[in-house]
Amino acid sequence: MQEEVQEGHRPGLRDPIQVAHEFLENYLNLKGKRSQPIQTLDDGKKIITFNLDNGKMIELRLIQPLGNDKRGIWAVEAYRYIN
């Protein structure tokens, strides 16, 4: 996927918010609205929290698998539901 982005395809993979939304909709079949500012961890990972349409909350942790820079793609590393 990184090669596709470098060739000019799928530029949205460089945007952690877009990656998070696509993950919610395409892999978990959920819709949500971002509820908190993006949290950036010391290791460069990002935490994005969403309020879901069903009243629950979900937290996604995103990484840049090939290193932290503006050219790298983002991917969801893990997610968890929050009470």
Protein backbone atom coordinates (compact mmCIF):
# COMPACT_ATOMS: atom_id res chain seq x y z
CA MET A 1 0.00 0.00 0.00
CA GLN A 2 2.91 2.35 0.69
CA GLU A 3 4.06 1.92 -2.92
CA GLU A 4 0.56 2.78 -4.18
CA VAL A 5 0.62 6.02 -2.19
CA GLN A 6 4.10 6.91 -3.43
CA GLU A 7 2.83 6.41 -7.00
CA GLY A 8 0.03 8.90 -6.34
CA HIS A 9 -2.78 6.46 -5.60
CA ARG A 10 -4.83 6.40 -2.36
CA PRO A 11 -3.37 9.58 -0.82
CA GLY A 12 -5.94 9.33 1.98
CA LEU A 13 -3.80 6.64 3.61
CA ARG A 14 -1.51 9.49 4.76
CA ASP A 15 -4.35 10.94 6.84
CA PRO A 16 -4.88 9.12 10.16
CA ILE A 17 -8.44 10.44 10.54
CA GLN A 18 -9.47 9.15 7.11
CA VAL A 19 -7.82 5.79 7.79
CA ALA A 20 -9.69 5.55 11.10
CA HIS A 21 -13.05 6.39 9.49
CA GLU A 22 -12.49 3.84 6.70
CA PHE A 23 -11.56 1.19 9.27
CA LEU A 24 -14.75 1.84 11.25
CA GLU A 25 -16.97 1.71 8.18
CA ASN A 26 -15.27 -0.97 6.07
CA TYR A 27 -13.98 -3.43 8.68
CA LEU A 28 -16.26 -2.97 11.68
CA ASN A 29 -19.37 -1.78 9.80
CA LEU A 30 -19.78 1.13 12.25
CA LYS A 31 -20.31 4.85 11.87
CA GLY A 32 -18.94 7.35 14.30
CA LYS A 33 -17.98 10.94 14.94
CA ARG A 34 -14.64 11.94 16.38
CA SER A 35 -15.21 12.87 20.00
CA GLN A 36 -11.79 13.97 21.25
CA PRO A 37 -8.74 15.61 19.72
CA ILE A 38 -6.20 13.19 18.31
CA GLN A 39 -3.71 12.13 20.95
CA THR A 40 -0.13 11.62 19.76
CA LEU A 41 1.93 9.25 21.88
CA ASP A 42 5.68 9.61 22.48
CA ASP A 43 6.41 6.82 19.99
CA GLY A 44 4.48 8.61 17.20
CA LYS A 45 1.36 6.45 17.41
CA LYS A 46 -1.98 8.24 17.36
CA ILE A 47 -5.09 7.56 19.45
CA ILE A 48 -8.42 8.58 17.93
CA THR A 49 -11.66 8.21 19.89
CA PHE A 50 -15.10 8.09 18.26
CA ASN A 51 -18.65 8.33 19.57
CA LEU A 52 -20.56 5.59 17.76
CA ASP A 53 -24.11 5.87 16.50
CA ASN A 54 -25.10 3.07 18.88
CA GLY A 55 -24.14 5.19 21.93
CA LYS A 56 -20.84 3.42 22.64
CA MET A 57 -17.30 4.77 22.21
CA ILE A 58 -14.36 3.19 20.43
CA GLU A 59 -10.68 4.06 20.59
CA LEU A 60 -8.37 3.29 17.67
CA ARG A 61 -4.57 3.22 17.87
CA LEU A 62 -2.84 4.02 14.59
CA ILE A 63 0.76 3.50 13.55
CA GLN A 64 2.96 4.28 10.57
CA PRO A 65 4.37 0.82 9.83
CA LEU A 66 7.30 2.09 7.76
CA GLY A 67 8.36 4.96 10.00
CA ASN A 68 7.05 8.30 11.19
CA ASP A 69 7.13 10.88 8.44
CA LYS A 70 4.71 12.81 6.24
CA ARG A 71 5.08 10.35 3.34
CA GLY A 72 4.21 7.23 5.33
CA ILE A 73 0.81 5.59 5.40
CA TRP A 74 -1.24 5.08 8.56
CA ALA A 75 -2.75 1.77 9.68
CA VAL A 76 -4.93 0.73 12.60
CA GLU A 77 -2.83 -1.31 15.00
CA ALA A 78 -5.54 -1.96 17.61
CA TYR A 79 -8.95 -0.85 18.80
CA ARG A 80 -11.03 -1.15 21.93
CA TYR A 81 -14.52 -0.25 23.07
CA ILE A 82 -14.74 2.22 25.95
CA ASN A 83 -17.51 2.28 28.54
